[in-house]
N, C-alpha and C. Protein backbone atom coordinates (compact mmCIF):
# COMPACT_ATOMS: atom_id res chain seq x y z
N UNK A 1 36.69 -55.83 16.53
CA UNK A 1 36.16 -55.38 16.37
C UNK A 1 36.57 -54.39 16.25
N UNK A 2 38.21 -53.69 15.51
CA UNK A 2 38.37 -52.39 15.89
C UNK A 2 37.70 -52.39 14.04
N UNK A 3 37.73 -53.24 12.84
CA UNK A 3 37.12 -53.57 11.77
C UNK A 3 35.74 -53.20 11.55
N UNK A 4 34.60 -53.81 12.77
CA UNK A 4 33.30 -53.44 13.00
C UNK A 4 33.30 -51.86 13.13
N UNK A 5 34.09 -51.15 13.96
CA UNK A 5 34.39 -49.85 14.18
C UNK A 5 34.93 -48.87 12.65
N UNK A 6 35.71 -49.82 11.84
CA UNK A 6 36.31 -48.90 10.89
C UNK A 6 35.24 -48.89 10.12
N UNK A 7 34.45 -50.50 9.68
CA UNK A 7 32.78 -50.12 8.75
C UNK A 7 32.44 -49.39 9.62
N UNK A 8 31.68 -49.44 10.24
CA UNK A 8 30.59 -48.20 10.87
C UNK A 8 31.05 -46.59 10.23
N UNK A 9 31.95 -45.92 10.46
CA UNK A 9 33.07 -45.38 10.34
C UNK A 9 32.47 -44.62 8.77
N UNK A 10 33.24 -46.09 7.81
CA UNK A 10 32.84 -45.56 6.37
C UNK A 10 31.72 -45.65 5.95
N UNK A 11 30.55 -46.52 6.33
CA UNK A 11 29.85 -46.49 6.25
C UNK A 11 28.74 -45.02 6.64
N UNK A 12 29.18 -44.39 7.96
CA UNK A 12 28.70 -43.05 7.86
C UNK A 12 29.21 -41.88 7.34
N UNK A 13 30.39 -42.22 7.07
CA UNK A 13 31.22 -41.02 6.30
C UNK A 13 30.23 -41.30 4.93
N UNK A 14 30.23 -42.30 4.00
CA UNK A 14 29.57 -42.49 2.64
C UNK A 14 28.04 -41.89 2.53
N UNK A 15 27.37 -41.98 3.74
CA UNK A 15 26.28 -41.87 3.95
C UNK A 15 26.47 -40.45 4.18
N UNK A 16 26.62 -39.82 5.32
CA UNK A 16 27.52 -38.31 4.97
C UNK A 16 27.98 -37.01 3.18
N UNK A 17 28.29 -38.29 2.77
CA UNK A 17 29.02 -38.31 1.76
C UNK A 17 27.52 -37.91 0.86
N UNK A 18 27.01 -38.38 1.00
CA UNK A 18 25.40 -39.20 0.22
C UNK A 18 24.66 -38.03 0.61
N UNK A 19 24.37 -37.45 1.77
CA UNK A 19 23.82 -36.47 2.34
C UNK A 19 24.10 -35.19 1.57
N UNK A 20 25.53 -34.90 1.65
CA UNK A 20 26.07 -33.56 1.19
C UNK A 20 25.84 -33.51 -0.40
N UNK A 21 25.40 -34.56 -0.87
CA UNK A 21 25.63 -34.07 -2.40
C UNK A 21 23.83 -33.89 -2.67
N UNK A 22 23.17 -34.88 -2.03
CA UNK A 22 21.77 -34.74 -2.05
C UNK A 22 21.24 -33.46 -1.80
N UNK A 23 21.90 -32.48 -0.29
CA UNK A 23 21.90 -31.21 -0.81
C UNK A 23 22.23 -30.11 -0.95
N UNK A 24 22.89 -30.55 -1.63
CA UNK A 24 23.71 -29.69 -2.95
C UNK A 24 22.96 -29.49 -4.09
N UNK A 25 22.20 -30.45 -4.42
CA UNK A 25 21.57 -30.89 -5.58
C UNK A 25 20.25 -29.74 -5.51
N UNK A 26 19.23 -30.16 -4.31
CA UNK A 26 18.62 -29.45 -3.56
C UNK A 26 18.82 -28.14 -3.51
N UNK A 27 20.31 -27.53 -3.16
CA UNK A 27 20.73 -26.43 -3.32
C UNK A 27 20.14 -25.70 -4.48
N UNK A 28 20.85 -26.19 -5.76
CA UNK A 28 20.96 -26.06 -7.09
C UNK A 28 19.71 -26.04 -7.81
N UNK A 29 18.63 -26.73 -7.03
CA UNK A 29 17.30 -26.89 -7.67
C UNK A 29 16.28 -25.54 -7.39
N UNK A 30 17.28 -25.38 -5.92
CA UNK A 30 15.76 -24.04 -5.42
C UNK A 30 16.61 -23.18 -5.85
N UNK A 31 17.85 -22.40 -6.35
CA UNK A 31 18.47 -21.35 -7.16
C UNK A 31 17.76 -21.69 -8.12
N UNK A 32 17.85 -22.74 -9.06
CA UNK A 32 17.47 -22.62 -10.28
C UNK A 32 15.55 -21.88 -10.15
N UNK A 33 15.23 -22.49 -9.48
CA UNK A 33 13.88 -22.55 -9.23
C UNK A 33 13.37 -20.66 -9.13
N UNK A 34 14.23 -20.47 -8.17
CA UNK A 34 14.68 -19.34 -7.73
C UNK A 34 13.84 -18.11 -8.30
N UNK A 35 15.20 -18.54 -9.48
CA UNK A 35 15.44 -17.77 -10.40
C UNK A 35 14.58 -16.98 -11.98
N UNK A 36 14.18 -18.56 -12.14
CA UNK A 36 13.27 -18.44 -12.62
C UNK A 36 11.60 -17.81 -12.50
N UNK A 37 11.46 -18.11 -10.89
CA UNK A 37 10.42 -17.35 -10.41
C UNK A 37 10.47 -15.97 -10.46
N UNK A 38 11.68 -15.83 -10.43
CA UNK A 38 11.89 -13.96 -10.58
C UNK A 38 12.36 -13.39 -11.86
N UNK A 39 12.53 -14.57 -12.92
CA UNK A 39 12.45 -13.59 -14.13
C UNK A 39 10.84 -12.97 -14.79
N UNK A 40 10.41 -14.66 -13.73
CA UNK A 40 9.28 -14.34 -14.72
C UNK A 40 7.99 -13.19 -14.05
N UNK A 41 8.36 -13.03 -12.37
CA UNK A 41 7.77 -11.78 -12.15
C UNK A 41 8.18 -11.30 -12.49
N UNK A 42 9.81 -10.55 -12.67
CA UNK A 42 10.16 -9.45 -13.41
C UNK A 42 8.74 -8.70 -14.88
N UNK A 43 8.98 -10.35 -15.38
CA UNK A 43 8.13 -10.07 -16.85
C UNK A 43 6.92 -9.70 -16.58
N UNK A 44 6.35 -10.11 -15.39
CA UNK A 44 4.86 -9.59 -15.40
C UNK A 44 4.74 -8.50 -14.92
N UNK A 45 5.69 -7.73 -14.67
CA UNK A 45 5.78 -6.38 -13.37
C UNK A 45 5.69 -5.76 -14.82
N UNK A 46 6.87 -5.15 -15.37
CA UNK A 46 7.32 -4.78 -16.35
C UNK A 46 6.51 -4.90 -17.58
N UNK A 47 5.01 -6.11 -17.66
CA UNK A 47 4.28 -5.87 -18.43
C UNK A 47 3.13 -5.30 -18.08
N UNK A 48 2.67 -5.39 -16.50
CA UNK A 48 2.03 -4.40 -15.87
C UNK A 48 2.23 -3.11 -16.22
N UNK A 49 3.76 -2.81 -16.10
CA UNK A 49 3.82 -1.12 -15.72
C UNK A 49 3.40 -0.94 -17.69
N UNK A 50 3.99 -1.26 -18.18
CA UNK A 50 3.90 -1.24 -20.06
C UNK A 50 2.59 -0.58 -20.29
N UNK A 51 1.55 -2.22 -19.75
CA UNK A 51 -0.29 -1.44 -19.68
C UNK A 51 -0.58 -0.12 -19.06
N UNK A 52 0.07 -0.10 -17.41
CA UNK A 52 -0.52 0.66 -17.03
C UNK A 52 0.26 2.35 -17.31
N UNK A 53 0.97 2.10 -18.36
CA UNK A 53 2.06 3.53 -17.90
C UNK A 53 1.32 4.71 -19.24
N UNK A 54 0.71 3.84 -20.07
CA UNK A 54 -0.23 4.97 -20.98
C UNK A 54 -1.45 5.55 -20.39
N UNK A 55 -2.27 4.98 -19.21
CA UNK A 55 -2.89 5.10 -18.85
C UNK A 55 -2.91 6.38 -17.55
N UNK A 56 -2.03 6.07 -17.17
CA UNK A 56 -1.16 6.91 -16.23
C UNK A 56 -1.04 8.31 -16.61
N UNK A 57 -0.49 7.94 -17.73
CA UNK A 57 -0.61 10.08 -18.77
C UNK A 57 -1.45 10.09 -18.84
N UNK A 58 -2.35 9.49 -19.41
CA UNK A 58 -3.80 10.06 -19.84
C UNK A 58 -5.02 10.48 -18.82
N UNK A 59 -4.07 10.13 -17.70
CA UNK A 59 -5.20 10.91 -16.04
C UNK A 59 -4.14 11.36 -15.65
N UNK A 60 -3.27 12.09 -15.93
CA UNK A 60 -2.33 13.11 -15.33
C UNK A 60 -2.91 13.75 -16.23
N UNK A 61 -2.86 13.71 -17.70
CA UNK A 61 -3.78 15.01 -19.20
C UNK A 61 -4.40 15.34 -18.78
N UNK A 62 -5.38 14.25 -17.81
CA UNK A 62 -6.64 14.57 -18.17
C UNK A 62 -6.78 16.05 -16.44
N UNK A 63 -6.07 15.72 -15.62
CA UNK A 63 -6.34 15.88 -14.44
C UNK A 63 -5.38 17.47 -14.25
N UNK A 64 -4.57 17.62 -15.50
CA UNK A 64 -4.02 19.10 -15.91
C UNK A 64 -5.17 20.25 -16.05
N UNK A 65 -5.96 19.11 -17.22
CA UNK A 65 -7.25 20.15 -18.19
C UNK A 65 -8.09 20.53 -17.34
N UNK A 66 -8.67 19.42 -16.12
CA UNK A 66 -9.21 20.11 -15.56
C UNK A 66 -8.97 21.36 -14.55
N UNK A 67 -7.56 21.01 -14.13
CA UNK A 67 -7.13 21.89 -13.06
C UNK A 67 -6.74 22.83 -13.39
N UNK A 68 -6.47 23.37 -14.56
CA UNK A 68 -6.30 24.49 -15.59
C UNK A 68 -7.61 24.77 -16.18
N UNK A 69 -9.33 24.35 -15.89
CA UNK A 69 -10.22 24.78 -16.70
C UNK A 69 -11.15 25.44 -15.44
N UNK A 70 -10.36 24.64 -13.77
CA UNK A 70 -10.77 25.21 -12.79
C UNK A 70 -10.28 26.64 -12.71
N UNK A 71 -9.22 26.30 -12.26
CA UNK A 71 -8.15 28.19 -12.80
C UNK A 71 -8.95 28.58 -13.34
N UNK A 72 -9.03 28.75 -14.51
CA UNK A 72 -9.80 29.28 -15.70
C UNK A 72 -10.96 29.87 -15.00
N UNK A 73 -11.52 28.72 -14.74
CA UNK A 73 -13.03 29.20 -13.65
C UNK A 73 -12.44 30.17 -13.09
N UNK A 74 -11.80 30.08 -11.87
CA UNK A 74 -11.92 30.89 -10.64
C UNK A 74 -11.31 32.20 -10.64
N UNK A 75 -10.62 32.40 -12.56
CA UNK A 75 -10.08 33.83 -12.93
C UNK A 75 -11.11 34.52 -13.51
N UNK A 76 -12.31 34.00 -14.16
CA UNK A 76 -13.21 34.25 -14.72
C UNK A 76 -14.16 35.11 -13.45
N UNK A 77 -14.37 34.01 -12.44
CA UNK A 77 -15.39 34.33 -10.95
C UNK A 77 -14.63 34.56 -9.99
N UNK A 78 -14.09 35.34 -9.07
CA UNK A 78 -13.35 35.46 -8.20
C UNK A 78 -14.07 35.62 -7.23
N UNK A 79 -15.43 36.00 -7.23
CA UNK A 79 -16.09 36.01 -6.53
C UNK A 79 -16.70 35.19 -5.83
N UNK A 80 -16.94 33.87 -6.67
CA UNK A 80 -17.80 32.86 -6.80
C UNK A 80 -16.85 31.81 -6.08
N UNK A 81 -15.57 31.61 -6.58
CA UNK A 81 -14.92 30.84 -5.62
C UNK A 81 -14.05 31.45 -5.23
N UNK A 82 -14.29 32.55 -4.28
CA UNK A 82 -14.13 33.15 -2.62
C UNK A 82 -15.38 32.39 -2.51
N UNK A 83 -16.66 32.58 -2.28
CA UNK A 83 -17.21 32.00 -1.58
C UNK A 83 -17.81 30.83 -1.54
N UNK A 84 -17.29 29.63 -2.72
CA UNK A 84 -17.55 29.00 -2.54
C UNK A 84 -16.10 27.83 -1.62
N UNK A 85 -15.50 28.65 -1.57
CA UNK A 85 -14.14 28.31 -0.56
C UNK A 85 -14.76 28.06 1.14
N UNK A 86 -15.17 29.62 0.91
CA UNK A 86 -15.21 29.96 2.36
C UNK A 86 -16.62 29.03 2.85
N UNK A 87 -17.74 28.50 2.02
CA UNK A 87 -18.56 28.06 2.46
C UNK A 87 -17.59 26.66 2.65
N UNK A 88 -17.09 25.89 1.90
CA UNK A 88 -16.36 25.31 2.16
C UNK A 88 -15.82 24.93 3.86
N UNK A 89 -15.26 25.98 3.61
CA UNK A 89 -14.59 25.91 5.11
C UNK A 89 -15.35 26.29 6.36
N UNK A 90 -16.56 26.94 5.85
CA UNK A 90 -17.05 27.20 7.15
C UNK A 90 -17.93 25.49 7.33
N UNK A 91 -18.24 24.46 5.85
CA UNK A 91 -18.20 23.45 6.93
C UNK A 91 -18.13 22.32 7.17
N UNK A 92 -16.66 22.59 6.89
CA UNK A 92 -15.69 21.64 7.44
C UNK A 92 -15.76 21.99 8.92
N UNK A 93 -15.42 23.31 9.23
CA UNK A 93 -15.44 23.98 10.93
C UNK A 93 -16.88 23.39 11.34
N UNK A 94 -17.65 24.00 10.79
CA UNK A 94 -18.71 23.04 11.54
C UNK A 94 -18.73 21.31 12.19
N UNK A 95 -18.48 21.05 10.45
CA UNK A 95 -18.46 19.47 11.18
C UNK A 95 -17.99 18.61 12.37
N UNK A 96 -16.18 19.71 12.51
CA UNK A 96 -16.23 19.62 12.80
C UNK A 96 -15.56 19.98 14.30
N UNK A 97 -16.55 20.65 14.65
CA UNK A 97 -17.17 21.32 15.66
C UNK A 97 -17.97 20.48 16.56
N UNK A 98 -18.85 20.10 15.72
CA UNK A 98 -20.09 19.16 15.97
C UNK A 98 -19.86 17.69 16.37
N UNK A 99 -18.79 17.59 15.53
CA UNK A 99 -17.88 15.70 16.17
C UNK A 99 -16.96 15.70 16.74
N UNK A 100 -16.63 17.04 17.66
CA UNK A 100 -15.62 17.12 18.76
C UNK A 100 -16.51 17.30 20.05
N UNK A 101 -17.69 17.85 20.35
CA UNK A 101 -18.59 17.53 21.06
C UNK A 101 -19.48 16.22 21.65
N UNK A 102 -19.11 15.55 20.62
CA UNK A 102 -20.06 14.12 20.34
C UNK A 102 -19.49 13.71 21.36
N UNK A 103 -19.70 12.71 22.63
CA UNK A 103 -19.27 12.04 23.95
C UNK A 103 -18.93 10.69 22.85
N UNK A 104 -17.95 10.68 23.86
CA UNK A 104 -16.94 9.40 23.36
C UNK A 104 -17.45 7.84 23.65
N UNK A 105 -17.57 7.16 23.49
CA UNK A 105 -17.90 5.92 23.97
C UNK A 105 -16.90 5.11 24.49
N UNK A 106 -17.44 5.30 26.16
CA UNK A 106 -16.25 4.64 27.13
C UNK A 106 -16.46 3.25 26.97
N UNK A 107 -14.59 3.09 27.06
CA UNK A 107 -14.22 1.50 26.68
C UNK A 107 -14.76 0.97 27.51
N UNK A 108 -14.86 -0.32 26.41
CA UNK A 108 -15.23 -1.79 27.65
C UNK A 108 -13.84 -2.73 28.02
N UNK A 109 -13.91 -3.06 28.93
CA UNK A 109 -12.55 -4.38 29.22
C UNK A 109 -12.89 -4.70 29.16
N UNK A 110 -12.22 -6.30 29.32
CA UNK A 110 -12.31 -7.53 29.01
C UNK A 110 -13.02 -8.74 30.73
N UNK A 111 -12.84 -7.56 31.18
CA UNK A 111 -13.07 -8.21 32.62
C UNK A 111 -14.49 -7.78 32.74
N UNK A 112 -15.71 -7.02 32.44
CA UNK A 112 -16.70 -6.03 33.23
C UNK A 112 -17.74 -7.45 32.32
């Protein structure tokens, strides 16, 4: 009986050791795949950044040029710029006033 129990324990110990080795092997595989995926995503992100950088610089330069042109036009025509800003503010105020006075829909409850 004792020999049979020892055989079972030895068999279970071997199975546990085999499972531990398999888990270790799987962890190494997952780690390697994770590292590979990381470097692949990192490379793609680097390429996307390198492709987007010139376009972003171009866009910033165009925005600066447009801003300078708008500022120059405002300096040349201060009355027109002031009138346009006051008109835009008045339209925004009027839109806000009209929207605030509109009735809010009543909430519908699920039990009704």
